[in-house]
Protein backbone atom coordinates (compact mmCIF):
# COMPACT_ATOMS: atom_id res chain seq x y z
CA UNK A 1 -8.91 -2.71 -10.29
CA UNK A 2 -7.12 0.51 -11.23
CA UNK A 3 -8.84 0.93 -14.64
CA UNK A 4 -12.29 0.52 -13.05
CA UNK A 5 -11.41 3.03 -10.32
CA UNK A 6 -10.22 5.55 -12.91
CA UNK A 7 -13.29 5.02 -15.09
CA UNK A 8 -15.55 5.64 -12.09
CA UNK A 9 -13.61 8.83 -11.29
CA UNK A 10 -12.56 7.59 -7.84
CA UNK A 11 -9.23 9.06 -6.69
CA UNK A 12 -6.35 6.85 -5.60
CA UNK A 13 -6.23 5.99 -1.93
CA UNK A 14 -3.47 7.28 0.32
CA UNK A 15 -1.98 5.86 3.50
CA UNK A 16 -3.19 7.42 6.75
CA UNK A 17 -2.65 6.55 10.42
CA UNK A 18 -0.30 6.81 13.38
CA UNK A 19 1.36 3.41 12.94
CA UNK A 20 2.59 4.02 9.39
CA UNK A 21 6.23 4.71 10.39
CA UNK A 22 6.37 1.40 12.29
CA UNK A 23 5.15 -0.34 9.13
CA UNK A 24 7.62 1.48 6.91
CA UNK A 25 4.83 3.37 5.12
CA UNK A 26 4.50 7.12 4.55
CA UNK A 27 1.39 9.17 5.33
CA UNK A 28 -0.12 10.62 2.18
CA UNK A 29 1.69 8.19 -0.14
CA UNK A 30 -0.48 6.69 -2.87
CA UNK A 31 -1.62 3.11 -2.22
CA UNK A 32 -0.63 0.90 -5.14
CA UNK A 33 -2.72 -1.91 -6.57
CA UNK A 34 -0.03 -4.41 -5.48
CA UNK A 35 -0.21 -3.10 -1.89
CA UNK A 36 -4.00 -3.50 -1.93
CA UNK A 37 -3.68 -7.08 -3.17
CA UNK A 38 -1.11 -7.90 -0.50
CA UNK A 39 -3.04 -6.36 2.38
CA UNK A 40 -6.64 -7.23 1.56
CA UNK A 41 -6.25 -10.19 -0.80
CA UNK A 42 -3.42 -12.05 0.92
CA UNK A 43 -3.56 -10.61 4.44
CA UNK A 44 0.14 -9.79 4.39
CA UNK A 45 2.18 -6.59 4.77
CA UNK A 46 1.40 -4.15 1.94
CA UNK A 47 5.06 -4.17 0.89
CA UNK A 48 5.70 -7.87 1.52
CA UNK A 49 7.32 -8.16 -1.89
CA UNK A 50 9.80 -5.36 -1.10
CA UNK A 51 13.32 -6.62 -0.32
CA UNK A 52 14.20 -6.51 3.37
CA UNK A 53 17.27 -4.46 4.16
CA UNK A 54 20.20 -6.37 5.54
CA UNK A 55 21.48 -5.93 9.07
CA UNK A 56 24.89 -4.28 9.45
């Protein structure tokens, strides 16, 4: 997907929204291809493959 987007001259998407902190995402951060696949292709959290921090 990324090569086609670049070829078409479409800029990378960025995260926007009020609930981003609750999701562990940062406003203005570039959306990666893996995050797009997770969210729209699999219907799971964009960073589902990110290790979960352990509880103290």
